[in-house]
Amino acid sequence: MAMLQLTISDMACGACVETITKAVQDLDATATLDADTQTKQVTITTTAAPDLVKGAIATAGYTITSA
């Protein structure tokens, strides 16, 4: 398992978190996410490759501003 800490600048609400969670869990069903919409920080624990996770989040329409 790897842990990724990302800043997603356009994550604004619970629906955003749900969309990001679904995108990541489509790659790795066992992935867990801890998201804070106030700070825009997401911590992801996953077995998927970091580049794949970032790509899935981008494909879902979100911008990663810091990794």
PDB file of N, CA and C in Angstrom:
ATOM      1  N   MET A   1       0.842  -1.188   0.000  1.00  0.00           N
ATOM      2  CA  MET A   1       0.000   0.000   0.000  1.00  0.00           C
ATOM      3  C   MET A   1       0.884   1.247   0.000  1.00  0.00           C
ATOM      4  N   ALA A   2       0.454   2.210  -0.770  1.00  0.00           N
ATOM      5  CA  ALA A   2       1.132   3.498  -0.804  1.00  0.00           C
ATOM      6  C   ALA A   2       0.189   4.572  -0.294  1.00  0.00           C
ATOM      7  N   MET A   3       0.765   5.622   0.283  1.00  0.00           N
ATOM      8  CA  MET A   3      -0.043   6.745   0.740  1.00  0.00           C
ATOM      9  C   MET A   3       0.332   7.972  -0.084  1.00  0.00           C
ATOM     10  N   LEU A   4      -0.677   8.580  -0.675  1.00  0.00           N
ATOM     11  CA  LEU A   4      -0.491   9.801  -1.452  1.00  0.00           C
ATOM     12  C   LEU A   4      -1.160  10.949  -0.730  1.00  0.00           C
ATOM     13  N   GLN A   5      -0.492  12.094  -0.677  1.00  0.00           N
ATOM     14  CA  GLN A   5      -1.097  13.299  -0.136  1.00  0.00           C
ATOM     15  C   GLN A   5      -1.149  14.309  -1.271  1.00  0.00           C
ATOM     16  N   LEU A   6      -2.367  14.699  -1.621  1.00  0.00           N
ATOM     17  CA  LEU A   6      -2.571  15.586  -2.766  1.00  0.00           C
ATOM     18  C   LEU A   6      -3.368  16.813  -2.362  1.00  0.00           C
ATOM     19  N   THR A   7      -3.126  17.905  -3.070  1.00  0.00           N
ATOM     20  CA  THR A   7      -3.969  19.088  -2.965  1.00  0.00           C
ATOM     21  C   THR A   7      -4.758  19.185  -4.260  1.00  0.00           C
ATOM     22  N   ILE A   8      -6.073  19.220  -4.134  1.00  0.00           N
ATOM     23  CA  ILE A   8      -6.956  19.284  -5.298  1.00  0.00           C
ATOM     24  C   ILE A   8      -7.711  20.604  -5.205  1.00  0.00           C
ATOM     25  N   SER A   9      -7.250  21.585  -5.974  1.00  0.00           N
ATOM     26  CA  SER A   9      -7.707  22.971  -5.817  1.00  0.00           C
ATOM     27  C   SER A   9      -9.193  23.182  -6.060  1.00  0.00           C
ATOM     28  N   ASP A  10      -9.806  22.370  -6.909  1.00  0.00           N
ATOM     29  CA  ASP A  10     -11.218  22.589  -7.220  1.00  0.00           C
ATOM     30  C   ASP A  10     -12.158  21.600  -6.525  1.00  0.00           C
ATOM     31  N   MET A  11     -11.699  20.962  -5.461  1.00  0.00           N
ATOM     32  CA  MET A  11     -12.548  20.092  -4.645  1.00  0.00           C
ATOM     33  C   MET A  11     -13.256  20.982  -3.626  1.00  0.00           C
ATOM     34  N   ALA A  12     -14.564  21.138  -3.786  1.00  0.00           N
ATOM     35  CA  ALA A  12     -15.277  22.135  -2.984  1.00  0.00           C
ATOM     36  C   ALA A  12     -16.351  21.579  -2.055  1.00  0.00           C
ATOM     37  N   CYS A  13     -16.807  20.340  -2.282  1.00  0.00           N
ATOM     38  CA  CYS A  13     -17.953  19.860  -1.499  1.00  0.00           C
ATOM     39  C   CYS A  13     -17.931  18.335  -1.385  1.00  0.00           C
ATOM     40  N   GLY A  14     -18.901  17.834  -0.678  1.00  0.00           N
ATOM     41  CA  GLY A  14     -19.017  16.395  -0.492  1.00  0.00           C
ATOM     42  C   GLY A  14     -19.201  15.635  -1.794  1.00  0.00           C
ATOM     43  N   ALA A  15     -19.917  16.238  -2.735  1.00  0.00           N
ATOM     44  CA  ALA A  15     -20.109  15.579  -4.033  1.00  0.00           C
ATOM     45  C   ALA A  15     -18.776  15.446  -4.769  1.00  0.00           C
ATOM     46  N   CYS A  16     -17.917  16.449  -4.628  1.00  0.00           N
ATOM     47  CA  CYS A  16     -16.578  16.369  -5.230  1.00  0.00           C
ATOM     48  C   CYS A  16     -15.807  15.197  -4.622  1.00  0.00           C
ATOM     49  N   VAL A  17     -15.872  15.082  -3.311  1.00  0.00           N
ATOM     50  CA  VAL A  17     -15.177  13.994  -2.612  1.00  0.00           C
ATOM     51  C   VAL A  17     -15.700  12.647  -3.094  1.00  0.00           C
ATOM     52  N   GLU A  18     -17.010  12.529  -3.248  1.00  0.00           N
ATOM     53  CA  GLU A  18     -17.602  11.275  -3.728  1.00  0.00           C
ATOM     54  C   GLU A  18     -17.116  10.936  -5.135  1.00  0.00           C
ATOM     55  N   THR A  19     -17.045  11.922  -6.003  1.00  0.00           N
ATOM     56  CA  THR A  19     -16.587  11.703  -7.378  1.00  0.00           C
ATOM     57  C   THR A  19     -15.131  11.268  -7.398  1.00  0.00           C
ATOM     58  N   ILE A  20     -14.300  11.920  -6.602  1.00  0.00           N
ATOM     59  CA  ILE A  20     -12.875  11.576  -6.530  1.00  0.00           C
ATOM     60  C   ILE A  20     -12.711  10.175  -5.939  1.00  0.00           C
ATOM     61  N   THR A  21     -13.475   9.883  -4.903  1.00  0.00           N
ATOM     62  CA  THR A  21     -13.415   8.556  -4.285  1.00  0.00           C
ATOM     63  C   THR A  21     -13.778   7.477  -5.296  1.00  0.00           C
ATOM     64  N   LYS A  22     -14.840   7.692  -6.054  1.00  0.00           N
ATOM     65  CA  LYS A  22     -15.261   6.703  -7.057  1.00  0.00           C
ATOM     66  C   LYS A  22     -14.176   6.517  -8.112  1.00  0.00           C
ATOM     67  N   ALA A  23     -13.575   7.609  -8.559  1.00  0.00           N
ATOM     68  CA  ALA A  23     -12.529   7.518  -9.582  1.00  0.00           C
ATOM     69  C   ALA A  23     -11.357   6.684  -9.089  1.00  0.00           C
ATOM     70  N   VAL A  24     -10.963   6.886  -7.844  1.00  0.00           N
ATOM     71  CA  VAL A  24      -9.831   6.137  -7.282  1.00  0.00           C
ATOM     72  C   VAL A  24     -10.231   4.687  -7.032  1.00  0.00           C
ATOM     73  N   GLN A  25     -11.425   4.467  -6.497  1.00  0.00           N
ATOM     74  CA  GLN A  25     -11.849   3.100  -6.194  1.00  0.00           C
ATOM     75  C   GLN A  25     -12.171   2.293  -7.444  1.00  0.00           C
ATOM     76  N   ASP A  26     -12.380   2.948  -8.568  1.00  0.00           N
ATOM     77  CA  ASP A  26     -12.513   2.217  -9.829  1.00  0.00           C
ATOM     78  C   ASP A  26     -11.178   1.567 -10.209  1.00  0.00           C
ATOM     79  N   LEU A  27     -10.074   2.158  -9.767  1.00  0.00           N
ATOM     80  CA  LEU A  27      -8.736   1.576  -9.990  1.00  0.00           C
ATOM     81  C   LEU A  27      -8.406   0.528  -8.939  1.00  0.00           C
ATOM     82  N   ASP A  28      -8.759   0.834  -7.693  1.00  0.00           N
ATOM     83  CA  ASP A  28      -8.428  -0.021  -6.554  1.00  0.00           C
ATOM     84  C   ASP A  28      -9.607   0.009  -5.590  1.00  0.00           C
ATOM     85  N   ALA A  29     -10.390  -1.038  -5.603  1.00  0.00           N
ATOM     86  CA  ALA A  29     -11.602  -1.092  -4.780  1.00  0.00           C
ATOM     87  C   ALA A  29     -11.308  -1.014  -3.289  1.00  0.00           C
ATOM     88  N   THR A  30     -10.088  -1.316  -2.880  1.00  0.00           N
ATOM     89  CA  THR A  30      -9.735  -1.284  -1.461  1.00  0.00           C
ATOM     90  C   THR A  30      -9.140   0.055  -1.031  1.00  0.00           C
ATOM     91  N   ALA A  31      -9.029   0.997  -1.951  1.00  0.00           N
ATOM     92  CA  ALA A  31      -8.444   2.304  -1.634  1.00  0.00           C
ATOM     93  C   ALA A  31      -9.302   3.043  -0.613  1.00  0.00           C
ATOM     94  N   THR A  32      -8.625   3.802   0.256  1.00  0.00           N
ATOM     95  CA  THR A  32      -9.329   4.646   1.212  1.00  0.00           C
ATOM     96  C   THR A  32      -8.885   6.092   1.006  1.00  0.00           C
ATOM     97  N   LEU A  33      -9.824   7.011   1.224  1.00  0.00           N
ATOM     98  CA  LEU A  33      -9.547   8.429   1.062  1.00  0.00           C
ATOM     99  C   LEU A  33      -9.981   9.185   2.305  1.00  0.00           C
ATOM    100  N   ASP A  34      -9.171  10.149   2.676  1.00  0.00           N
ATOM    101  CA  ASP A  34      -9.517  11.081   3.741  1.00  0.00           C
ATOM    102  C   ASP A  34      -9.398  12.462   3.127  1.00  0.00           C
ATOM    103  N   ALA A  35     -10.515  13.166   2.995  1.00  0.00           N
ATOM    104  CA  ALA A  35     -10.526  14.445   2.290  1.00  0.00           C
ATOM    105  C   ALA A  35     -11.012  15.561   3.197  1.00  0.00           C
ATOM    106  N   ASP A  36     -10.407  16.736   3.034  1.00  0.00           N
ATOM    107  CA  ASP A  36     -10.802  17.935   3.756  1.00  0.00           C
ATOM    108  C   ASP A  36     -11.077  19.026   2.722  1.00  0.00           C
ATOM    109  N   THR A  37     -12.353  19.366   2.535  1.00  0.00           N
ATOM    110  CA  THR A  37     -12.710  20.343   1.503  1.00  0.00           C
ATOM    111  C   THR A  37     -12.268  21.753   1.876  1.00  0.00           C
ATOM    112  N   GLN A  38     -12.038  22.014   3.142  1.00  0.00           N
ATOM    113  CA  GLN A  38     -11.576  23.344   3.559  1.00  0.00           C
ATOM    114  C   GLN A  38     -10.131  23.593   3.125  1.00  0.00           C
ATOM    115  N   THR A  39      -9.268  22.600   3.350  1.00  0.00           N
ATOM    116  CA  THR A  39      -7.849  22.759   3.008  1.00  0.00           C
ATOM    117  C   THR A  39      -7.522  22.239   1.616  1.00  0.00           C
ATOM    118  N   LYS A  40      -8.496  21.547   0.999  1.00  0.00           N
ATOM    119  CA  LYS A  40      -8.327  20.946  -0.334  1.00  0.00           C
ATOM    120  C   LYS A  40      -7.350  19.767  -0.317  1.00  0.00           C
ATOM    121  N   GLN A  41      -7.070  19.211   0.856  1.00  0.00           N
ATOM    122  CA  GLN A  41      -6.125  18.114   1.002  1.00  0.00           C
ATOM    123  C   GLN A  41      -6.840  16.764   0.946  1.00  0.00           C
ATOM    124  N   VAL A  42      -6.209  15.814   0.252  1.00  0.00           N
ATOM    125  CA  VAL A  42      -6.719  14.446   0.184  1.00  0.00           C
ATOM    126  C   VAL A  42      -5.561  13.503   0.492  1.00  0.00           C
ATOM    127  N   THR A  43      -5.801  12.567   1.391  1.00  0.00           N
ATOM    128  CA  THR A  43      -4.839  11.509   1.665  1.00  0.00           C
ATOM    129  C   THR A  43      -5.448  10.214   1.153  1.00  0.00           C
ATOM    130  N   ILE A  44      -4.727   9.543   0.272  1.00  0.00           N
ATOM    131  CA  ILE A  44      -5.226   8.324  -0.369  1.00  0.00           C
ATOM    132  C   ILE A  44      -4.287   7.181  -0.031  1.00  0.00           C
ATOM    133  N   THR A  45      -4.857   6.085   0.441  1.00  0.00           N
ATOM    134  CA  THR A  45      -4.099   4.857   0.669  1.00  0.00           C
ATOM    135  C   THR A  45      -4.564   3.856  -0.384  1.00  0.00           C
ATOM    136  N   THR A  46      -3.617   3.387  -1.195  1.00  0.00           N
ATOM    137  CA  THR A  46      -3.995   2.553  -2.338  1.00  0.00           C
ATOM    138  C   THR A  46      -2.846   1.653  -2.777  1.00  0.00           C
ATOM    139  N   THR A  47      -3.197   0.602  -3.494  1.00  0.00           N
ATOM    140  CA  THR A  47      -2.185  -0.256  -4.115  1.00  0.00           C
ATOM    141  C   THR A  47      -1.945   0.159  -5.565  1.00  0.00           C
ATOM    142  N   ALA A  48      -2.757   1.069  -6.083  1.00  0.00           N
ATOM    143  CA  ALA A  48      -2.607   1.525  -7.469  1.00  0.00           C
ATOM    144  C   ALA A  48      -1.399   2.456  -7.592  1.00  0.00           C
ATOM    145  N   ALA A  49      -0.815   2.480  -8.772  1.00  0.00           N
ATOM    146  CA  ALA A  49       0.338   3.347  -9.032  1.00  0.00           C
ATOM    147  C   ALA A  49      -0.074   4.817  -8.911  1.00  0.00           C
ATOM    148  N   PRO A  50       0.780   5.641  -8.296  1.00  0.00           N
ATOM    149  CA  PRO A  50       0.444   7.059  -8.112  1.00  0.00           C
ATOM    150  C   PRO A  50       0.056   7.769  -9.408  1.00  0.00           C
ATOM    151  N   ASP A  51       0.747   7.494 -10.501  1.00  0.00           N
ATOM    152  CA  ASP A  51       0.421   8.151 -11.767  1.00  0.00           C
ATOM    153  C   ASP A  51      -0.976   7.769 -12.248  1.00  0.00           C
ATOM    154  N   LEU A  52      -1.376   6.515 -12.017  1.00  0.00           N
ATOM    155  CA  LEU A  52      -2.727   6.090 -12.400  1.00  0.00           C
ATOM    156  C   LEU A  52      -3.784   6.789 -11.554  1.00  0.00           C
ATOM    157  N   VAL A  53      -3.509   6.924 -10.266  1.00  0.00           N
ATOM    158  CA  VAL A  53      -4.448   7.602  -9.366  1.00  0.00           C
ATOM    159  C   VAL A  53      -4.614   9.058  -9.792  1.00  0.00           C
ATOM    160  N   LYS A  54      -3.495   9.730 -10.028  1.00  0.00           N
ATOM    161  CA  LYS A  54      -3.552  11.135 -10.444  1.00  0.00           C
ATOM    162  C   LYS A  54      -4.283  11.276 -11.781  1.00  0.00           C
ATOM    163  N   GLY A  55      -4.047  10.350 -12.687  1.00  0.00           N
ATOM    164  CA  GLY A  55      -4.737  10.374 -13.975  1.00  0.00           C
ATOM    165  C   GLY A  55      -6.233  10.183 -13.825  1.00  0.00           C
ATOM    166  N   ALA A  56      -6.640   9.288 -12.935  1.00  0.00           N
ATOM    167  CA  ALA A  56      -8.069   9.048 -12.714  1.00  0.00           C
ATOM    168  C   ALA A  56      -8.746  10.281 -12.136  1.00  0.00           C
ATOM    169  N   ILE A  57      -8.058  10.964 -11.231  1.00  0.00           N
ATOM    170  CA  ILE A  57      -8.617  12.181 -10.640  1.00  0.00           C
ATOM    171  C   ILE A  57      -8.737  13.269 -11.707  1.00  0.00           C
ATOM    172  N   ALA A  58      -7.721  13.398 -12.538  1.00  0.00           N
ATOM    173  CA  ALA A  58      -7.753  14.393 -13.619  1.00  0.00           C
ATOM    174  C   ALA A  58      -8.863  14.079 -14.615  1.00  0.00           C
ATOM    175  N   THR A  59      -9.028  12.807 -14.959  1.00  0.00           N
ATOM    176  CA  THR A  59     -10.074  12.390 -15.886  1.00  0.00           C
ATOM    177  C   THR A  59     -11.463  12.684 -15.313  1.00  0.00           C
ATOM    178  N   ALA A  60     -11.578  12.618 -13.984  1.00  0.00           N
ATOM    179  CA  ALA A  60     -12.859  12.926 -13.336  1.00  0.00           C
ATOM    180  C   ALA A  60     -13.137  14.430 -13.328  1.00  0.00           C
ATOM    181  N   GLY A  61     -12.148  15.231 -13.756  1.00  0.00           N
ATOM    182  CA  GLY A  61     -12.378  16.660 -13.904  1.00  0.00           C
ATOM    183  C   GLY A  61     -11.777  17.544 -12.836  1.00  0.00           C
ATOM    184  N   TYR A  62     -10.842  17.013 -12.057  1.00  0.00           N
ATOM    185  CA  TYR A  62     -10.267  17.778 -10.948  1.00  0.00           C
ATOM    186  C   TYR A  62      -8.790  18.073 -11.194  1.00  0.00           C
ATOM    187  N   THR A  63      -8.334  19.189 -10.618  1.00  0.00           N
ATOM    188  CA  THR A  63      -6.972  19.658 -10.826  1.00  0.00           C
ATOM    189  C   THR A  63      -6.132  19.423  -9.571  1.00  0.00           C
ATOM    190  N   ILE A  64      -5.072  18.639  -9.727  1.00  0.00           N
ATOM    191  CA  ILE A  64      -4.136  18.399  -8.635  1.00  0.00           C
ATOM    192  C   ILE A  64      -3.084  19.502  -8.717  1.00  0.00           C
ATOM    193  N   THR A  65      -3.016  20.313  -7.650  1.00  0.00           N
ATOM    194  CA  THR A  65      -2.079  21.436  -7.650  1.00  0.00           C
ATOM    195  C   THR A  65      -0.827  21.150  -6.847  1.00  0.00           C
ATOM    196  N   SER A  66      -0.842  20.083  -6.051  1.00  0.00           N
ATOM    197  CA  SER A  66       0.326  19.713  -5.267  1.00  0.00           C
ATOM    198  C   SER A  66       0.251  18.236  -4.942  1.00  0.00           C
ATOM    199  N   ALA A  67       1.415  17.592  -5.040  1.00  0.00           N
ATOM    200  CA  ALA A  67       1.459  16.152  -4.724  1.00  0.00           C
ATOM    201  C   ALA A  67       2.520  15.876  -3.691  1.00  0.00           C
TER     202      ALA A  67
END
